[in-house]
């Protein structure tokens, strides 16, 4: 599965508690195409363009979760509201689980050709 286009790693939802503390949650979101067109290259290109425009202009999506209670949506109690922020494409940033490549210099060879001289000089 591709990296989510949107996310928020610091979310709390009213009523979700553990040992008296709010449970920290993360939200993720994708820009999706209809099932029958999800492999269409032009649709995938449009999705990447939309994500790119959102990233370029620092746009986010506001979300709200309410509990359905009665017939009037204006009376439904709000459980939480958040913003989904755009994620940078993986190509443009180091992945969180990969350490940077290290370069090691080879130790200089001794004049006698001994590469592993374990003797300690006193």
N, C-alpha and C. Protein backbone atom coordinates (compact mmCIF):
# COMPACT_ATOMS: atom_id res chain seq x y z
N UNK A 1 0.84 -1.18 0.00
CA UNK A 1 0.00 0.00 0.00
C UNK A 1 0.89 1.24 0.00
N UNK A 2 0.49 2.23 -0.75
CA UNK A 2 1.26 3.47 -0.84
C UNK A 2 1.19 4.25 0.46
N UNK A 3 2.16 5.12 0.62
CA UNK A 3 2.20 6.02 1.78
C UNK A 3 0.94 6.90 1.75
N UNK A 4 0.33 7.14 2.90
CA UNK A 4 -0.85 8.01 2.93
C UNK A 4 -0.51 9.42 2.45
N UNK A 5 -1.42 10.04 1.75
CA UNK A 5 -1.22 11.41 1.30
C UNK A 5 -1.38 12.38 2.47
N UNK A 6 -2.18 12.00 3.46
CA UNK A 6 -2.52 12.89 4.57
C UNK A 6 -2.33 12.18 5.90
N UNK A 7 -2.10 12.95 6.96
CA UNK A 7 -1.98 12.33 8.27
C UNK A 7 -1.92 13.34 9.39
N UNK A 8 -2.16 12.86 10.59
CA UNK A 8 -2.01 13.63 11.82
C UNK A 8 -1.63 12.63 12.90
N UNK A 9 -0.46 12.79 13.49
CA UNK A 9 0.04 11.80 14.44
C UNK A 9 -0.28 12.14 15.89
N UNK A 10 -1.08 13.17 16.13
CA UNK A 10 -1.39 13.57 17.51
C UNK A 10 -2.88 13.85 17.63
N UNK A 11 -3.67 12.80 17.82
CA UNK A 11 -5.13 12.92 17.84
C UNK A 11 -5.66 12.29 19.13
N UNK A 12 -6.63 12.93 19.72
CA UNK A 12 -7.35 12.37 20.87
C UNK A 12 -8.83 12.39 20.56
N UNK A 13 -9.53 11.36 20.98
CA UNK A 13 -10.97 11.26 20.75
C UNK A 13 -11.66 11.20 22.10
N UNK A 14 -12.57 12.12 22.32
CA UNK A 14 -13.27 12.20 23.59
C UNK A 14 -13.90 10.86 23.94
N UNK A 15 -13.67 10.39 25.15
CA UNK A 15 -14.25 9.14 25.60
C UNK A 15 -13.31 7.95 25.49
N UNK A 16 -12.26 8.06 24.70
CA UNK A 16 -11.28 6.99 24.60
C UNK A 16 -10.19 7.26 25.63
N UNK A 17 -10.29 6.55 26.75
CA UNK A 17 -9.37 6.77 27.85
C UNK A 17 -8.70 5.46 28.24
N UNK A 18 -7.49 5.57 28.75
CA UNK A 18 -6.77 4.42 29.28
C UNK A 18 -6.11 4.87 30.57
N UNK A 19 -6.50 4.25 31.67
CA UNK A 19 -5.99 4.62 33.00
C UNK A 19 -6.21 6.10 33.29
N UNK A 20 -7.34 6.64 32.86
CA UNK A 20 -7.68 8.02 33.14
C UNK A 20 -7.05 9.04 32.21
N UNK A 21 -6.27 8.59 31.24
CA UNK A 21 -5.61 9.50 30.29
C UNK A 21 -6.17 9.29 28.89
N UNK A 22 -6.21 10.38 28.14
CA UNK A 22 -6.66 10.28 26.75
C UNK A 22 -5.69 9.41 25.96
N UNK A 23 -6.22 8.58 25.10
CA UNK A 23 -5.41 7.70 24.26
C UNK A 23 -4.94 8.50 23.04
N UNK A 24 -3.64 8.51 22.82
CA UNK A 24 -3.09 9.20 21.65
C UNK A 24 -3.29 8.32 20.42
N UNK A 25 -3.80 8.90 19.35
CA UNK A 25 -4.09 8.17 18.13
C UNK A 25 -3.47 8.88 16.94
N UNK A 26 -3.45 8.22 15.82
CA UNK A 26 -2.97 8.81 14.57
C UNK A 26 -4.03 8.62 13.50
N UNK A 27 -4.21 9.63 12.67
CA UNK A 27 -5.13 9.56 11.54
C UNK A 27 -4.31 9.55 10.25
N UNK A 28 -4.74 8.76 9.30
CA UNK A 28 -4.11 8.76 7.99
C UNK A 28 -5.19 8.82 6.93
N UNK A 29 -4.86 9.34 5.78
CA UNK A 29 -5.84 9.44 4.70
C UNK A 29 -5.19 9.35 3.35
N UNK A 30 -5.93 8.85 2.40
CA UNK A 30 -5.47 8.71 1.03
C UNK A 30 -6.45 9.41 0.11
N UNK A 31 -5.96 9.92 -0.99
CA UNK A 31 -6.82 10.42 -2.05
C UNK A 31 -7.10 9.21 -2.94
N UNK A 32 -8.35 8.84 -3.05
CA UNK A 32 -8.71 7.60 -3.73
C UNK A 32 -9.46 7.84 -5.03
N UNK A 33 -9.30 6.88 -5.92
CA UNK A 33 -10.04 6.84 -7.18
C UNK A 33 -11.14 5.78 -7.04
N UNK A 34 -12.16 5.82 -7.90
CA UNK A 34 -13.14 4.74 -7.89
C UNK A 34 -12.43 3.41 -8.17
N UNK A 35 -12.92 2.34 -7.58
CA UNK A 35 -12.28 1.01 -7.71
C UNK A 35 -11.98 0.65 -9.16
N UNK A 36 -12.93 0.90 -10.05
CA UNK A 36 -12.75 0.49 -11.44
C UNK A 36 -11.70 1.32 -12.18
N UNK A 37 -11.23 2.43 -11.59
CA UNK A 37 -10.24 3.28 -12.25
C UNK A 37 -8.97 3.46 -11.43
N UNK A 38 -8.82 2.68 -10.36
CA UNK A 38 -7.67 2.91 -9.47
C UNK A 38 -6.32 2.59 -10.11
N UNK A 39 -6.29 1.79 -11.16
CA UNK A 39 -5.02 1.48 -11.83
C UNK A 39 -4.81 2.28 -13.11
N UNK A 40 -5.69 3.21 -13.38
CA UNK A 40 -5.59 4.06 -14.57
C UNK A 40 -4.46 5.08 -14.35
N UNK A 41 -3.44 5.09 -15.21
CA UNK A 41 -2.32 6.01 -15.03
C UNK A 41 -2.72 7.48 -14.99
N UNK A 42 -3.73 7.87 -15.76
CA UNK A 42 -4.15 9.27 -15.74
C UNK A 42 -4.79 9.63 -14.40
N UNK A 43 -5.50 8.68 -13.80
CA UNK A 43 -6.12 8.92 -12.49
C UNK A 43 -5.02 9.01 -11.42
N UNK A 44 -4.03 8.10 -11.48
CA UNK A 44 -2.93 8.15 -10.52
C UNK A 44 -2.15 9.46 -10.65
N UNK A 45 -1.96 9.92 -11.88
CA UNK A 45 -1.29 11.20 -12.10
C UNK A 45 -2.08 12.35 -11.48
N UNK A 46 -3.41 12.33 -11.64
CA UNK A 46 -4.26 13.37 -11.05
C UNK A 46 -4.17 13.35 -9.53
N UNK A 47 -4.15 12.16 -8.94
CA UNK A 47 -4.03 12.04 -7.49
C UNK A 47 -2.72 12.65 -7.01
N UNK A 48 -1.62 12.34 -7.70
CA UNK A 48 -0.32 12.88 -7.32
C UNK A 48 -0.28 14.40 -7.50
N UNK A 49 -0.95 14.92 -8.55
CA UNK A 49 -1.03 16.36 -8.75
C UNK A 49 -1.78 17.03 -7.61
N UNK A 50 -2.90 16.44 -7.20
CA UNK A 50 -3.70 17.00 -6.10
C UNK A 50 -2.87 17.02 -4.82
N UNK A 51 -2.20 15.89 -4.51
CA UNK A 51 -1.36 15.83 -3.32
C UNK A 51 -0.23 16.85 -3.40
N UNK A 52 0.35 17.01 -4.58
CA UNK A 52 1.43 17.98 -4.76
C UNK A 52 0.96 19.42 -4.57
N UNK A 53 -0.21 19.75 -5.09
CA UNK A 53 -0.76 21.10 -4.92
C UNK A 53 -1.05 21.36 -3.44
N UNK A 54 -1.60 20.36 -2.76
CA UNK A 54 -1.87 20.52 -1.33
C UNK A 54 -0.57 20.76 -0.56
N UNK A 55 0.48 20.01 -0.91
CA UNK A 55 1.78 20.16 -0.25
C UNK A 55 2.38 21.53 -0.55
N UNK A 56 2.34 21.93 -1.81
CA UNK A 56 2.92 23.20 -2.25
C UNK A 56 2.29 24.39 -1.53
N UNK A 57 0.98 24.35 -1.32
CA UNK A 57 0.27 25.48 -0.72
C UNK A 57 -0.02 25.27 0.77
N UNK A 58 0.56 24.21 1.34
CA UNK A 58 0.40 23.92 2.77
C UNK A 58 -1.08 23.81 3.16
N UNK A 59 -1.86 23.09 2.34
CA UNK A 59 -3.28 22.91 2.60
C UNK A 59 -3.50 21.69 3.49
N UNK A 60 -4.57 21.72 4.27
CA UNK A 60 -4.95 20.58 5.10
C UNK A 60 -6.45 20.35 4.95
N UNK A 61 -6.91 19.22 5.47
CA UNK A 61 -8.33 18.89 5.44
C UNK A 61 -8.83 18.83 6.87
N UNK A 62 -9.91 19.56 7.15
CA UNK A 62 -10.52 19.54 8.47
C UNK A 62 -11.52 18.41 8.56
N UNK A 63 -11.51 17.73 9.69
CA UNK A 63 -12.43 16.61 9.92
C UNK A 63 -13.14 16.81 11.25
N UNK A 64 -14.34 16.28 11.34
CA UNK A 64 -15.12 16.32 12.57
C UNK A 64 -15.86 15.01 12.73
N UNK A 65 -15.86 14.47 13.94
CA UNK A 65 -16.60 13.24 14.24
C UNK A 65 -17.67 13.59 15.26
N UNK A 66 -18.92 13.23 14.93
CA UNK A 66 -20.05 13.48 15.83
C UNK A 66 -20.80 12.18 16.08
N UNK A 67 -21.41 12.08 17.25
CA UNK A 67 -22.24 10.92 17.59
C UNK A 67 -23.67 11.21 17.14
N UNK A 68 -24.22 10.34 16.32
CA UNK A 68 -25.59 10.54 15.86
C UNK A 68 -26.53 10.37 17.05
N UNK A 69 -27.27 11.43 17.30
CA UNK A 69 -28.21 11.42 18.42
C UNK A 69 -29.42 12.25 18.03
N UNK A 70 -30.45 11.58 17.56
CA UNK A 70 -31.64 12.29 17.12
C UNK A 70 -31.59 12.57 15.64
N UNK A 71 -32.59 13.39 15.19
CA UNK A 71 -32.73 13.65 13.76
C UNK A 71 -31.99 14.91 13.29
N UNK A 72 -31.64 15.81 14.20
CA UNK A 72 -31.02 17.08 13.81
C UNK A 72 -29.51 17.00 13.96
N UNK A 73 -28.77 16.98 12.84
CA UNK A 73 -27.30 16.90 12.92
C UNK A 73 -26.68 18.05 13.72
N UNK A 74 -27.35 19.20 13.77
CA UNK A 74 -26.82 20.33 14.54
C UNK A 74 -26.81 20.03 16.04
N UNK A 75 -27.60 19.06 16.47
CA UNK A 75 -27.68 18.71 17.88
C UNK A 75 -26.79 17.53 18.26
N UNK A 76 -26.14 16.93 17.29
CA UNK A 76 -25.30 15.78 17.59
C UNK A 76 -24.06 16.24 18.35
N UNK A 77 -23.72 15.56 19.42
CA UNK A 77 -22.51 15.96 20.17
C UNK A 77 -21.24 15.65 19.38
N UNK A 78 -20.35 16.62 19.37
CA UNK A 78 -19.08 16.45 18.66
C UNK A 78 -18.11 15.68 19.56
N UNK A 79 -17.53 14.62 19.01
CA UNK A 79 -16.56 13.82 19.74
C UNK A 79 -15.14 14.32 19.52
N UNK A 80 -14.91 14.93 18.40
CA UNK A 80 -13.58 15.45 18.12
C UNK A 80 -13.50 16.09 16.75
N UNK A 81 -12.50 16.94 16.58
CA UNK A 81 -12.24 17.53 15.26
C UNK A 81 -10.73 17.65 15.11
N UNK A 82 -10.26 17.42 13.88
CA UNK A 82 -8.83 17.41 13.61
C UNK A 82 -8.57 17.93 12.22
N UNK A 83 -7.30 18.10 11.95
CA UNK A 83 -6.82 18.43 10.61
C UNK A 83 -5.95 17.29 10.12
N UNK A 84 -6.07 16.99 8.84
CA UNK A 84 -5.17 16.05 8.18
C UNK A 84 -4.20 16.89 7.36
N UNK A 85 -2.92 16.73 7.63
CA UNK A 85 -1.87 17.48 6.96
C UNK A 85 -1.27 16.63 5.85
N UNK A 86 -0.73 17.28 4.84
CA UNK A 86 -0.11 16.54 3.74
C UNK A 86 1.22 15.95 4.19
N UNK A 87 1.50 14.75 3.74
CA UNK A 87 2.78 14.10 3.99
C UNK A 87 3.69 14.36 2.80
N UNK A 88 4.96 14.56 3.09
CA UNK A 88 5.93 14.71 2.00
C UNK A 88 6.14 13.35 1.36
N UNK A 89 6.33 13.31 0.05
CA UNK A 89 6.61 12.03 -0.60
C UNK A 89 7.90 11.43 -0.05
N UNK A 90 7.98 10.13 0.00
CA UNK A 90 9.17 9.46 0.54
C UNK A 90 10.42 9.80 -0.25
N UNK A 91 10.26 10.12 -1.54
CA UNK A 91 11.43 10.44 -2.36
C UNK A 91 12.15 11.67 -1.84
N UNK A 92 11.43 12.58 -1.18
CA UNK A 92 12.00 13.87 -0.77
C UNK A 92 12.48 13.90 0.67
N UNK A 93 12.43 12.80 1.37
CA UNK A 93 12.91 12.80 2.75
C UNK A 93 13.39 11.41 3.12
N UNK A 94 14.26 11.38 4.07
CA UNK A 94 14.81 10.11 4.53
C UNK A 94 13.70 9.34 5.24
N UNK A 95 13.60 8.06 4.98
CA UNK A 95 12.59 7.25 5.64
C UNK A 95 12.95 7.10 7.10
N UNK A 96 11.95 7.10 7.96
CA UNK A 96 12.16 7.07 9.39
C UNK A 96 12.86 5.82 9.88
N UNK A 97 12.78 4.74 9.15
CA UNK A 97 13.34 3.48 9.62
C UNK A 97 14.67 3.14 8.96
N UNK A 98 15.24 4.06 8.23
CA UNK A 98 16.51 3.79 7.57
C UNK A 98 17.56 4.77 8.05
N UNK A 99 18.66 4.24 8.55
CA UNK A 99 19.77 5.08 8.96
C UNK A 99 20.50 5.56 7.72
N UNK A 100 21.12 6.73 7.80
CA UNK A 100 21.87 7.20 6.65
C UNK A 100 23.03 6.25 6.35
N UNK A 101 23.38 6.16 5.07
CA UNK A 101 24.47 5.29 4.68
C UNK A 101 25.77 5.79 5.30
N UNK A 102 26.52 4.89 5.88
CA UNK A 102 27.78 5.26 6.51
C UNK A 102 28.93 4.89 5.60
N UNK A 103 29.95 5.72 5.61
CA UNK A 103 31.14 5.42 4.85
C UNK A 103 32.26 5.14 5.82
N UNK A 104 32.92 4.04 5.63
CA UNK A 104 34.03 3.65 6.48
C UNK A 104 35.31 3.74 5.68
N UNK A 105 36.31 4.32 6.29
CA UNK A 105 37.62 4.39 5.65
C UNK A 105 38.40 3.14 6.03
N UNK A 106 39.06 2.57 5.06
CA UNK A 106 39.86 1.38 5.32
C UNK A 106 41.10 1.80 6.09
N UNK A 107 41.45 1.01 7.10
CA UNK A 107 42.64 1.29 7.89
C UNK A 107 43.87 1.17 7.00
N UNK A 108 44.84 2.04 7.20
CA UNK A 108 46.05 1.96 6.38
C UNK A 108 46.81 0.67 6.67
N UNK A 109 47.38 0.10 5.63
CA UNK A 109 48.16 -1.13 5.79
C UNK A 109 49.49 -0.79 6.44
N UNK A 110 49.98 -1.69 7.29
CA UNK A 110 51.27 -1.48 7.94
C UNK A 110 52.39 -1.75 6.94
N UNK A 111 53.56 -1.27 7.26
CA UNK A 111 54.68 -1.44 6.34
C UNK A 111 55.11 -2.89 6.20
N UNK A 112 54.79 -3.72 7.22
CA UNK A 112 55.18 -5.13 7.16
C UNK A 112 54.12 -5.97 6.48
N UNK A 113 53.00 -5.34 6.11
CA UNK A 113 51.94 -6.09 5.47
C UNK A 113 51.01 -6.77 6.46
N UNK A 114 51.19 -6.54 7.75
CA UNK A 114 50.30 -7.12 8.76
C UNK A 114 49.07 -6.23 8.88
N UNK A 115 47.92 -6.76 8.49
CA UNK A 115 46.69 -5.98 8.59
C UNK A 115 46.08 -6.07 9.97
N UNK A 116 46.33 -7.16 10.66
CA UNK A 116 45.80 -7.34 12.00
C UNK A 116 46.95 -7.51 12.98
N UNK A 117 47.48 -6.41 13.41
CA UNK A 117 48.57 -6.44 14.37
C UNK A 117 47.98 -6.22 15.74
N UNK A 118 47.79 -7.27 16.49
CA UNK A 118 47.12 -7.20 17.78
C UNK A 118 48.08 -6.95 18.94
N UNK A 119 49.37 -6.81 18.67
CA UNK A 119 50.31 -6.59 19.76
C UNK A 119 50.15 -5.21 20.33
N UNK A 120 50.17 -5.13 21.66
CA UNK A 120 50.09 -3.86 22.34
C UNK A 120 51.50 -3.43 22.69
N UNK A 121 51.89 -2.26 22.26
CA UNK A 121 53.23 -1.74 22.51
C UNK A 121 53.28 -1.12 23.90
N UNK A 122 54.30 -1.49 24.71
CA UNK A 122 54.48 -0.90 26.04
C UNK A 122 55.76 -0.12 26.08
